[in-house]
Protein backbone atom coordinates (compact mmCIF):
# COMPACT_ATOMS: atom_id res chain seq x y z
CA UNK A 1 0.00 0.00 0.00
CA UNK A 2 1.45 3.35 -1.02
CA UNK A 3 1.61 6.02 1.68
CA UNK A 4 0.92 9.55 0.54
CA UNK A 5 3.08 12.18 2.21
CA UNK A 6 0.91 15.03 3.43
CA UNK A 7 2.45 18.48 3.60
CA UNK A 8 1.37 20.74 6.44
CA UNK A 9 2.30 23.83 4.44
CA UNK A 10 0.02 25.39 1.87
CA UNK A 11 1.28 24.82 -1.70
CA UNK A 12 -0.11 28.22 -2.78
CA UNK A 13 1.09 30.19 0.25
CA UNK A 14 4.30 28.44 1.35
CA UNK A 15 4.64 30.60 4.45
CA UNK A 16 1.19 29.51 5.74
CA UNK A 17 0.21 26.35 7.59
CA UNK A 18 -2.83 24.30 6.61
CA UNK A 19 -4.86 24.85 9.75
CA UNK A 20 -8.38 25.01 8.30
CA UNK A 21 -10.49 22.20 6.85
CA UNK A 22 -12.92 22.91 4.01
CA UNK A 23 -15.77 20.40 4.35
CA UNK A 24 -17.16 21.48 0.98
CA UNK A 25 -13.95 20.56 -0.87
CA UNK A 26 -12.84 17.93 1.68
CA UNK A 27 -9.32 19.30 1.99
CA UNK A 28 -7.01 21.02 4.42
CA UNK A 29 -6.28 24.64 3.52
CA UNK A 30 -4.59 27.69 4.99
CA UNK A 31 -6.43 30.68 6.38
CA UNK A 32 -5.50 32.80 3.36
CA UNK A 33 -6.94 30.19 0.97
CA UNK A 34 -10.12 30.15 3.05
CA UNK A 35 -10.62 33.87 2.44
CA UNK A 36 -9.46 33.81 -1.18
CA UNK A 37 -10.94 30.61 -2.59
CA UNK A 38 -13.28 29.04 -0.02
CA UNK A 39 -15.14 32.11 1.27
CA UNK A 40 -18.65 30.63 1.07
CA UNK A 41 -17.68 27.05 1.92
CA UNK A 42 -18.24 25.16 5.17
CA UNK A 43 -14.86 25.53 6.90
CA UNK A 44 -13.70 24.74 10.45
CA UNK A 45 -10.43 24.54 12.33
CA UNK A 46 -8.46 21.50 11.19
CA UNK A 47 -8.23 19.91 14.64
CA UNK A 48 -12.00 20.29 15.16
CA UNK A 49 -12.65 18.65 11.78
CA UNK A 50 -10.25 15.82 12.67
CA UNK A 51 -12.08 15.22 15.97
CA UNK A 52 -15.40 15.14 14.12
CA UNK A 53 -14.08 12.67 11.53
CA UNK A 54 -12.59 10.44 14.26
CA UNK A 55 -15.94 10.34 16.07
CA UNK A 56 -17.71 9.38 12.84
CA UNK A 57 -15.16 6.58 12.30
CA UNK A 58 -15.66 5.34 15.88
CA UNK A 59 -19.44 5.18 15.37
CA UNK A 60 -19.03 3.37 12.05
CA UNK A 61 -16.60 0.89 13.59
CA UNK A 62 -19.07 0.14 16.42
CA UNK A 63 -21.87 -0.37 13.89
CA UNK A 64 -19.68 -2.75 11.87
CA UNK A 65 -18.81 -4.78 14.98
CA UNK A 66 -22.52 -5.04 15.86
CA UNK A 67 -23.41 -6.15 12.33
CA UNK A 68 -20.62 -8.74 12.29
CA UNK A 69 -21.86 -10.10 15.60
CA UNK A 70 -25.40 -10.42 14.22
CA UNK A 71 -24.11 -12.07 11.04
CA UNK A 72 -22.05 -14.55 13.04
CA UNK A 73 -25.13 -15.39 15.09
CA UNK A 74 -27.17 -15.96 11.93
CA UNK A 75 -24.38 -18.11 10.48
CA UNK A 76 -24.34 -20.21 13.63
CA UNK A 77 -28.15 -20.56 13.42
CA UNK A 78 -27.88 -21.74 9.80
CA UNK A 79 -25.17 -24.24 10.67
CA UNK A 80 -27.39 -25.60 13.44
CA UNK A 81 -30.41 -25.89 11.11
CA UNK A 82 -28.30 -27.62 8.47
CA UNK A 83 -26.95 -30.06 11.05
CA UNK A 84 -30.46 -30.90 12.30
CA UNK A 85 -31.71 -31.32 8.72
CA UNK A 86 -28.85 -33.70 7.95
CA UNK A 87 -29.59 -35.70 11.12
CA UNK A 88 -33.28 -36.00 10.16
CA UNK A 89 -32.42 -37.07 6.62
CA UNK A 90 -29.73 -39.45 7.67
PDB file of N, CA and C in Angstrom:
ATOM      1  N   UNK A   1       0.842  -1.175   0.000  1.00  0.00           N
ATOM      2  CA  UNK A   1       0.000   0.000   0.000  1.00  0.00           C
ATOM      3  C   UNK A   1       0.886   1.236   0.000  1.00  0.00           C
ATOM      4  N   UNK A   2       0.639   2.142  -0.897  1.00  0.00           N
ATOM      5  CA  UNK A   2       1.448   3.347  -1.018  1.00  0.00           C
ATOM      6  C   UNK A   2       0.980   4.388  -0.004  1.00  0.00           C
ATOM      7  N   UNK A   3       1.931   4.979   0.706  1.00  0.00           N
ATOM      8  CA  UNK A   3       1.614   6.016   1.676  1.00  0.00           C
ATOM      9  C   UNK A   3       1.836   7.372   1.030  1.00  0.00           C
ATOM     10  N   UNK A   4       0.837   8.224   1.122  1.00  0.00           N
ATOM     11  CA  UNK A   4       0.917   9.554   0.542  1.00  0.00           C
ATOM     12  C   UNK A   4       1.444  10.520   1.596  1.00  0.00           C
ATOM     13  N   UNK A   5       2.533  11.201   1.270  1.00  0.00           N
ATOM     14  CA  UNK A   5       3.084  12.181   2.206  1.00  0.00           C
ATOM     15  C   UNK A   5       2.218  13.433   2.163  1.00  0.00           C
ATOM     16  N   UNK A   6       1.784  13.874   3.326  1.00  0.00           N
ATOM     17  CA  UNK A   6       0.909  15.034   3.427  1.00  0.00           C
ATOM     18  C   UNK A   6       1.713  16.215   3.952  1.00  0.00           C
ATOM     19  N   UNK A   7       1.755  17.277   3.183  1.00  0.00           N
ATOM     20  CA  UNK A   7       2.451  18.485   3.600  1.00  0.00           C
ATOM     21  C   UNK A   7       1.547  19.309   4.503  1.00  0.00           C
ATOM     22  N   UNK A   8       2.138  19.887   5.530  1.00  0.00           N
ATOM     23  CA  UNK A   8       1.374  20.742   6.436  1.00  0.00           C
ATOM     24  C   UNK A   8       1.423  22.199   6.000  1.00  0.00           C
ATOM     25  N   UNK A   9       2.211  22.477   4.984  1.00  0.00           N
ATOM     26  CA  UNK A   9       2.304  23.831   4.442  1.00  0.00           C
ATOM     27  C   UNK A   9       1.409  23.949   3.214  1.00  0.00           C
ATOM     28  N   UNK A  10       0.869  25.138   3.021  1.00  0.00           N
ATOM     29  CA  UNK A  10       0.017  25.393   1.866  1.00  0.00           C
ATOM     30  C   UNK A  10       0.873  25.467   0.602  1.00  0.00           C
ATOM     31  N   UNK A  11       0.494  24.761  -0.457  1.00  0.00           N
ATOM     32  CA  UNK A  11       1.284  24.822  -1.696  1.00  0.00           C
ATOM     33  C   UNK A  11       1.161  26.176  -2.406  1.00  0.00           C
ATOM     34  N   UNK A  12       0.083  26.916  -2.148  1.00  0.00           N
ATOM     35  CA  UNK A  12      -0.107  28.224  -2.778  1.00  0.00           C
ATOM     36  C   UNK A  12       0.535  29.352  -1.970  1.00  0.00           C
ATOM     37  N   UNK A  13       0.549  29.177  -0.650  1.00  0.00           N
ATOM     38  CA  UNK A  13       1.093  30.193   0.246  1.00  0.00           C
ATOM     39  C   UNK A  13       2.090  29.486   1.169  1.00  0.00           C
ATOM     40  N   UNK A  14       3.293  29.275   0.681  1.00  0.00           N
ATOM     41  CA  UNK A  14       4.304  28.443   1.350  1.00  0.00           C
ATOM     42  C   UNK A  14       4.541  28.854   2.805  1.00  0.00           C
ATOM     43  N   UNK A  15       4.376  30.115   3.093  1.00  0.00           N
ATOM     44  CA  UNK A  15       4.639  30.604   4.453  1.00  0.00           C
ATOM     45  C   UNK A  15       3.500  30.287   5.421  1.00  0.00           C
ATOM     46  N   UNK A  16       2.373  29.786   4.907  1.00  0.00           N
ATOM     47  CA  UNK A  16       1.192  29.514   5.735  1.00  0.00           C
ATOM     48  C   UNK A  16       1.034  28.017   6.013  1.00  0.00           C
ATOM     49  N   UNK A  17       0.520  27.722   7.200  1.00  0.00           N
ATOM     50  CA  UNK A  17       0.212  26.348   7.590  1.00  0.00           C
ATOM     51  C   UNK A  17      -1.221  26.020   7.198  1.00  0.00           C
ATOM     52  N   UNK A  18      -1.453  24.761   6.846  1.00  0.00           N
ATOM     53  CA  UNK A  18      -2.827  24.298   6.605  1.00  0.00           C
ATOM     54  C   UNK A  18      -3.453  24.055   7.978  1.00  0.00           C
ATOM     55  N   UNK A  19      -4.248  24.991   8.430  1.00  0.00           N
ATOM     56  CA  UNK A  19      -4.858  24.847   9.750  1.00  0.00           C
ATOM     57  C   UNK A  19      -6.371  24.986   9.708  1.00  0.00           C
ATOM     58  N   UNK A  20      -6.930  24.930   8.505  1.00  0.00           N
ATOM     59  CA  UNK A  20      -8.379  25.008   8.303  1.00  0.00           C
ATOM     60  C   UNK A  20      -8.779  23.819   7.439  1.00  0.00           C
ATOM     61  N   UNK A  21      -9.971  23.290   7.687  1.00  0.00           N
ATOM     62  CA  UNK A  21     -10.486  22.204   6.851  1.00  0.00           C
ATOM     63  C   UNK A  21     -11.740  22.687   6.143  1.00  0.00           C
ATOM     64  N   UNK A  22     -11.755  22.565   4.812  1.00  0.00           N
ATOM     65  CA  UNK A  22     -12.924  22.912   4.015  1.00  0.00           C
ATOM     66  C   UNK A  22     -13.745  21.636   3.823  1.00  0.00           C
ATOM     67  N   UNK A  23     -14.898  21.575   4.470  1.00  0.00           N
ATOM     68  CA  UNK A  23     -15.768  20.402   4.354  1.00  0.00           C
ATOM     69  C   UNK A  23     -16.371  20.316   2.952  1.00  0.00           C
ATOM     70  N   UNK A  24     -16.586  21.453   2.326  1.00  0.00           N
ATOM     71  CA  UNK A  24     -17.164  21.481   0.985  1.00  0.00           C
ATOM     72  C   UNK A  24     -16.238  20.798  -0.012  1.00  0.00           C
ATOM     73  N   UNK A  25     -14.946  21.118   0.068  1.00  0.00           N
ATOM     74  CA  UNK A  25     -13.946  20.559  -0.871  1.00  0.00           C
ATOM     75  C   UNK A  25     -13.240  19.336  -0.297  1.00  0.00           C
ATOM     76  N   UNK A  26     -13.477  19.049   0.982  1.00  0.00           N
ATOM     77  CA  UNK A  26     -12.844  17.931   1.682  1.00  0.00           C
ATOM     78  C   UNK A  26     -11.324  17.992   1.587  1.00  0.00           C
ATOM     79  N   UNK A  27     -10.773  19.151   1.996  1.00  0.00           N
ATOM     80  CA  UNK A  27      -9.323  19.301   1.988  1.00  0.00           C
ATOM     81  C   UNK A  27      -8.862  20.301   3.039  1.00  0.00           C
ATOM     82  N   UNK A  28      -7.627  20.092   3.481  1.00  0.00           N
ATOM     83  CA  UNK A  28      -7.010  21.021   4.422  1.00  0.00           C
ATOM     84  C   UNK A  28      -6.481  22.218   3.634  1.00  0.00           C
ATOM     85  N   UNK A  29      -6.687  23.406   4.187  1.00  0.00           N
ATOM     86  CA  UNK A  29      -6.279  24.636   3.523  1.00  0.00           C
ATOM     87  C   UNK A  29      -5.704  25.597   4.562  1.00  0.00           C
ATOM     88  N   UNK A  30      -5.069  26.652   4.077  1.00  0.00           N
ATOM     89  CA  UNK A  30      -4.587  27.686   4.990  1.00  0.00           C
ATOM     90  C   UNK A  30      -5.659  28.772   5.134  1.00  0.00           C
ATOM     91  N   UNK A  31      -5.464  29.627   6.110  1.00  0.00           N
ATOM     92  CA  UNK A  31      -6.426  30.683   6.379  1.00  0.00           C
ATOM     93  C   UNK A  31      -6.572  31.625   5.181  1.00  0.00           C
ATOM     94  N   UNK A  32      -5.463  31.909   4.532  1.00  0.00           N
ATOM     95  CA  UNK A  32      -5.505  32.796   3.363  1.00  0.00           C
ATOM     96  C   UNK A  32      -6.323  32.175   2.232  1.00  0.00           C
ATOM     97  N   UNK A  33      -6.139  30.887   1.995  1.00  0.00           N
ATOM     98  CA  UNK A  33      -6.939  30.187   0.972  1.00  0.00           C
ATOM     99  C   UNK A  33      -8.424  30.243   1.331  1.00  0.00           C
ATOM    100  N   UNK A  34      -8.718  30.118   2.638  1.00  0.00           N
ATOM    101  CA  UNK A  34     -10.117  30.148   3.051  1.00  0.00           C
ATOM    102  C   UNK A  34     -10.762  31.464   2.612  1.00  0.00           C
ATOM    103  N   UNK A  35     -10.056  32.568   2.814  1.00  0.00           N
ATOM    104  CA  UNK A  35     -10.622  33.868   2.442  1.00  0.00           C
ATOM    105  C   UNK A  35     -10.581  34.118   0.943  1.00  0.00           C
ATOM    106  N   UNK A  36      -9.588  33.564   0.253  1.00  0.00           N
ATOM    107  CA  UNK A  36      -9.455  33.814  -1.178  1.00  0.00           C
ATOM    108  C   UNK A  36     -10.300  32.877  -2.039  1.00  0.00           C
ATOM    109  N   UNK A  37     -10.331  31.596  -1.696  1.00  0.00           N
ATOM    110  CA  UNK A  37     -10.937  30.605  -2.591  1.00  0.00           C
ATOM    111  C   UNK A  37     -12.090  29.801  -1.991  1.00  0.00           C
ATOM    112  N   UNK A  38     -12.282  29.883  -0.685  1.00  0.00           N
ATOM    113  CA  UNK A  38     -13.284  29.043  -0.020  1.00  0.00           C
ATOM    114  C   UNK A  38     -14.221  29.890   0.839  1.00  0.00           C
ATOM    115  N   UNK A  39     -14.402  31.121   0.466  1.00  0.00           N
ATOM    116  CA  UNK A  39     -15.139  32.110   1.268  1.00  0.00           C
ATOM    117  C   UNK A  39     -16.540  31.637   1.671  1.00  0.00           C
ATOM    118  N   UNK A  40     -17.268  31.026   0.784  1.00  0.00           N
ATOM    119  CA  UNK A  40     -18.648  30.631   1.071  1.00  0.00           C
ATOM    120  C   UNK A  40     -18.789  29.123   1.331  1.00  0.00           C
ATOM    121  N   UNK A  41     -17.674  28.488   1.637  1.00  0.00           N
ATOM    122  CA  UNK A  41     -17.681  27.054   1.919  1.00  0.00           C
ATOM    123  C   UNK A  41     -17.808  26.809   3.417  1.00  0.00           C
ATOM    124  N   UNK A  42     -18.141  25.578   3.767  1.00  0.00           N
ATOM    125  CA  UNK A  42     -18.242  25.160   5.167  1.00  0.00           C
ATOM    126  C   UNK A  42     -16.835  24.814   5.664  1.00  0.00           C
ATOM    127  N   UNK A  43     -16.221  25.720   6.412  1.00  0.00           N
ATOM    128  CA  UNK A  43     -14.856  25.533   6.904  1.00  0.00           C
ATOM    129  C   UNK A  43     -14.824  25.566   8.425  1.00  0.00           C
ATOM    130  N   UNK A  44     -13.926  24.744   9.008  1.00  0.00           N
ATOM    131  CA  UNK A  44     -13.703  24.743  10.453  1.00  0.00           C
ATOM    132  C   UNK A  44     -12.208  24.604  10.703  1.00  0.00           C
ATOM    133  N   UNK A  45     -11.821  24.769  11.968  1.00  0.00           N
ATOM    134  CA  UNK A  45     -10.426  24.539  12.327  1.00  0.00           C
ATOM    135  C   UNK A  45     -10.091  23.081  12.042  1.00  0.00           C
ATOM    136  N   UNK A  46      -8.878  22.837  11.590  1.00  0.00           N
ATOM    137  CA  UNK A  46      -8.457  21.495  11.185  1.00  0.00           C
ATOM    138  C   UNK A  46      -8.575  20.492  12.323  1.00  0.00           C
ATOM    139  N   UNK A  47      -8.159  20.870  13.529  1.00  0.00           N
ATOM    140  CA  UNK A  47      -8.231  19.914  14.644  1.00  0.00           C
ATOM    141  C   UNK A  47      -9.677  19.585  15.012  1.00  0.00           C
ATOM    142  N   UNK A  48     -10.585  20.548  14.887  1.00  0.00           N
ATOM    143  CA  UNK A  48     -11.998  20.291  15.156  1.00  0.00           C
ATOM    144  C   UNK A  48     -12.567  19.329  14.102  1.00  0.00           C
ATOM    145  N   UNK A  49     -12.198  19.539  12.854  1.00  0.00           N
ATOM    146  CA  UNK A  49     -12.654  18.654  11.780  1.00  0.00           C
ATOM    147  C   UNK A  49     -12.109  17.239  11.984  1.00  0.00           C
ATOM    148  N   UNK A  50     -10.856  17.141  12.421  1.00  0.00           N
ATOM    149  CA  UNK A  50     -10.254  15.824  12.670  1.00  0.00           C
ATOM    150  C   UNK A  50     -10.982  15.100  13.796  1.00  0.00           C
ATOM    151  N   UNK A  51     -11.319  15.838  14.867  1.00  0.00           N
ATOM    152  CA  UNK A  51     -12.081  15.218  15.971  1.00  0.00           C
ATOM    153  C   UNK A  51     -13.436  14.722  15.482  1.00  0.00           C
ATOM    154  N   UNK A  52     -14.091  15.522  14.659  1.00  0.00           N
ATOM    155  CA  UNK A  52     -15.403  15.145  14.124  1.00  0.00           C
ATOM    156  C   UNK A  52     -15.287  13.881  13.257  1.00  0.00           C
ATOM    157  N   UNK A  53     -14.277  13.843  12.401  1.00  0.00           N
ATOM    158  CA  UNK A  53     -14.083  12.665  11.530  1.00  0.00           C
ATOM    159  C   UNK A  53     -13.754  11.423  12.359  1.00  0.00           C
ATOM    160  N   UNK A  54     -12.907  11.586  13.400  1.00  0.00           N
ATOM    161  CA  UNK A  54     -12.585  10.435  14.255  1.00  0.00           C
ATOM    162  C   UNK A  54     -13.826   9.892  14.942  1.00  0.00           C
ATOM    163  N   UNK A  55     -14.710  10.777  15.413  1.00  0.00           N
ATOM    164  CA  UNK A  55     -15.942  10.336  16.072  1.00  0.00           C
ATOM    165  C   UNK A  55     -16.836   9.585  15.086  1.00  0.00           C
ATOM    166  N   UNK A  56     -16.929  10.070  13.866  1.00  0.00           N
ATOM    167  CA  UNK A  56     -17.711   9.378  12.838  1.00  0.00           C
ATOM    168  C   UNK A  56     -17.133   7.987  12.597  1.00  0.00           C
ATOM    169  N   UNK A  57     -15.798   7.890  12.509  1.00  0.00           N
ATOM    170  CA  UNK A  57     -15.155   6.584  12.304  1.00  0.00           C
ATOM    171  C   UNK A  57     -15.407   5.646  13.478  1.00  0.00           C
ATOM    172  N   UNK A  58     -15.372   6.179  14.697  1.00  0.00           N
ATOM    173  CA  UNK A  58     -15.660   5.341  15.876  1.00  0.00           C
ATOM    174  C   UNK A  58     -17.072   4.775  15.813  1.00  0.00           C
ATOM    175  N   UNK A  59     -18.044   5.640  15.461  1.00  0.00           N
ATOM    176  CA  UNK A  59     -19.437   5.176  15.373  1.00  0.00           C
ATOM    177  C   UNK A  59     -19.591   4.122  14.278  1.00  0.00           C
ATOM    178  N   UNK A  60     -18.953   4.351  13.138  1.00  0.00           N
ATOM    179  CA  UNK A  60     -19.027   3.372  12.049  1.00  0.00           C
ATOM    180  C   UNK A  60     -18.384   2.044  12.450  1.00  0.00           C
ATOM    181  N   UNK A  61     -17.265   2.109  13.147  1.00  0.00           N
ATOM    182  CA  UNK A  61     -16.595   0.885  13.593  1.00  0.00           C
ATOM    183  C   UNK A  61     -17.480   0.105  14.557  1.00  0.00           C
ATOM    184  N   UNK A  62     -18.147   0.818  15.488  1.00  0.00           N
ATOM    185  CA  UNK A  62     -19.069   0.138  16.421  1.00  0.00           C
ATOM    186  C   UNK A  62     -20.225  -0.519  15.664  1.00  0.00           C
ATOM    187  N   UNK A  63     -20.757   0.187  14.679  1.00  0.00           N
ATOM    188  CA  UNK A  63     -21.866  -0.369  13.891  1.00  0.00           C
ATOM    189  C   UNK A  63     -21.418  -1.613  13.128  1.00  0.00           C
ATOM    190  N   UNK A  64     -20.206  -1.587  12.596  1.00  0.00           N
ATOM    191  CA  UNK A  64     -19.681  -2.747  11.866  1.00  0.00           C
ATOM    192  C   UNK A  64     -19.513  -3.940  12.803  1.00  0.00           C
ATOM    193  N   UNK A  65     -18.983  -3.697  14.001  1.00  0.00           N
ATOM    194  CA  UNK A  65     -18.806  -4.782  14.977  1.00  0.00           C
ATOM    195  C   UNK A  65     -20.161  -5.387  15.338  1.00  0.00           C
ATOM    196  N   UNK A  66     -21.176  -4.530  15.536  1.00  0.00           N
ATOM    197  CA  UNK A  66     -22.515  -5.036  15.856  1.00  0.00           C
ATOM    198  C   UNK A  66     -23.074  -5.870  14.702  1.00  0.00           C
ATOM    199  N   UNK A  67     -22.918  -5.396  13.487  1.00  0.00           N
ATOM    200  CA  UNK A  67     -23.409  -6.148  12.329  1.00  0.00           C
ATOM    201  C   UNK A  67     -22.691  -7.482  12.174  1.00  0.00           C
ATOM    202  N   UNK A  68     -21.379  -7.483  12.372  1.00  0.00           N
ATOM    203  CA  UNK A  68     -20.621  -8.737  12.288  1.00  0.00           C
ATOM    204  C   UNK A  68     -21.082  -9.731  13.344  1.00  0.00           C
ATOM    205  N   UNK A  69     -21.371  -9.230  14.532  1.00  0.00           N
ATOM    206  CA  UNK A  69     -21.857 -10.096  15.596  1.00  0.00           C
ATOM    207  C   UNK A  69     -23.200 -10.716  15.210  1.00  0.00           C
ATOM    208  N   UNK A  70     -24.093  -9.901  14.657  1.00  0.00           N
ATOM    209  CA  UNK A  70     -25.396 -10.425  14.215  1.00  0.00           C
ATOM    210  C   UNK A  70     -25.225 -11.437  13.090  1.00  0.00           C
ATOM    211  N   UNK A  71     -24.343 -11.139  12.147  1.00  0.00           N
ATOM    212  CA  UNK A  71     -24.112 -12.067  11.037  1.00  0.00           C
ATOM    213  C   UNK A  71     -23.538 -13.385  11.534  1.00  0.00           C
ATOM    214  N   UNK A  72     -22.615 -13.318  12.482  1.00  0.00           N
ATOM    215  CA  UNK A  72     -22.049 -14.549  13.039  1.00  0.00           C
ATOM    216  C   UNK A  72     -23.120 -15.367  13.747  1.00  0.00           C
ATOM    217  N   UNK A  73     -24.026 -14.684  14.437  1.00  0.00           N
ATOM    218  CA  UNK A  73     -25.130 -15.391  15.092  1.00  0.00           C
ATOM    219  C   UNK A  73     -26.035 -16.066  14.078  1.00  0.00           C
ATOM    220  N   UNK A  74     -26.340 -15.375  12.994  1.00  0.00           N
ATOM    221  CA  UNK A  74     -27.172 -15.959  11.928  1.00  0.00           C
ATOM    222  C   UNK A  74     -26.474 -17.156  11.286  1.00  0.00           C
ATOM    223  N   UNK A  75     -25.147 -17.006  11.059  1.00  0.00           N
ATOM    224  CA  UNK A  75     -24.385 -18.109  10.482  1.00  0.00           C
ATOM    225  C   UNK A  75     -24.451 -19.328  11.389  1.00  0.00           C
ATOM    226  N   UNK A  76     -24.281 -19.107  12.689  1.00  0.00           N
ATOM    227  CA  UNK A  76     -24.344 -20.215  13.634  1.00  0.00           C
ATOM    228  C   UNK A  76     -25.737 -20.857  13.622  1.00  0.00           C
ATOM    229  N   UNK A  77     -26.784 -20.036  13.519  1.00  0.00           N
ATOM    230  CA  UNK A  77     -28.147 -20.565  13.425  1.00  0.00           C
ATOM    231  C   UNK A  77     -28.305 -21.432  12.179  1.00  0.00           C
ATOM    232  N   UNK A  78     -27.779 -20.970  11.053  1.00  0.00           N
ATOM    233  CA  UNK A  78     -27.883 -21.739   9.804  1.00  0.00           C
ATOM    234  C   UNK A  78     -27.116 -23.054   9.881  1.00  0.00           C
ATOM    235  N   UNK A  79     -25.953 -23.007  10.506  1.00  0.00           N
ATOM    236  CA  UNK A  79     -25.167 -24.240  10.670  1.00  0.00           C
ATOM    237  C   UNK A  79     -25.942 -25.232  11.522  1.00  0.00           C
ATOM    238  N   UNK A  80     -26.596 -24.736  12.560  1.00  0.00           N
ATOM    239  CA  UNK A  80     -27.391 -25.599  13.440  1.00  0.00           C
ATOM    240  C   UNK A  80     -28.575 -26.201  12.682  1.00  0.00           C
ATOM    241  N   UNK A  81     -29.271 -25.389  11.892  1.00  0.00           N
ATOM    242  CA  UNK A  81     -30.414 -25.885  11.112  1.00  0.00           C
ATOM    243  C   UNK A  81     -29.945 -26.924  10.105  1.00  0.00           C
ATOM    244  N   UNK A  82     -28.830 -26.659   9.450  1.00  0.00           N
ATOM    245  CA  UNK A  82     -28.300 -27.619   8.467  1.00  0.00           C
ATOM    246  C   UNK A  82     -27.949 -28.933   9.142  1.00  0.00           C
ATOM    247  N   UNK A  83     -27.337 -28.840  10.309  1.00  0.00           N
ATOM    248  CA  UNK A  83     -26.949 -30.056  11.053  1.00  0.00           C
ATOM    249  C   UNK A  83     -28.180 -30.876  11.440  1.00  0.00           C
ATOM    250  N   UNK A  84     -29.238 -30.182  11.927  1.00  0.00           N
ATOM    251  CA  UNK A  84     -30.460 -30.897  12.301  1.00  0.00           C
ATOM    252  C   UNK A  84     -31.137 -31.501  11.077  1.00  0.00           C
ATOM    253  N   UNK A  85     -31.112 -30.809   9.951  1.00  0.00           N
ATOM    254  CA  UNK A  85     -31.711 -31.322   8.722  1.00  0.00           C
ATOM    255  C   UNK A  85     -30.960 -32.580   8.249  1.00  0.00           C
ATOM    256  N   UNK A  86     -29.659 -32.532   8.350  1.00  0.00           N
ATOM    257  CA  UNK A  86     -28.849 -33.703   7.950  1.00  0.00           C
ATOM    258  C   UNK A  86     -29.132 -34.886   8.868  1.00  0.00           C
ATOM    259  N   UNK A  87     -29.304 -34.631  10.165  1.00  0.00           N
ATOM    260  CA  UNK A  87     -29.594 -35.702  11.120  1.00  0.00           C
ATOM    261  C   UNK A  87     -30.963 -36.310  10.854  1.00  0.00           C
ATOM    262  N   UNK A  88     -31.948 -35.496  10.465  1.00  0.00           N
ATOM    263  CA  UNK A  88     -33.276 -35.996  10.163  1.00  0.00           C
ATOM    264  C   UNK A  88     -33.282 -36.822   8.872  1.00  0.00           C
ATOM    265  N   UNK A  89     -32.466 -36.377   7.912  1.00  0.00           N
ATOM    266  CA  UNK A  89     -32.416 -37.070   6.625  1.00  0.00           C
ATOM    267  C   UNK A  89     -31.608 -38.357   6.709  1.00  0.00           C
ATOM    268  N   UNK A  90     -30.677 -38.372   7.621  1.00  0.00           N
ATOM    269  CA  UNK A  90     -29.727 -39.454   7.673  1.00  0.00           C
ATOM    270  C   UNK A  90     -30.206 -40.647   8.340  1.00  0.00           C
TER     271      UNK A  90
END
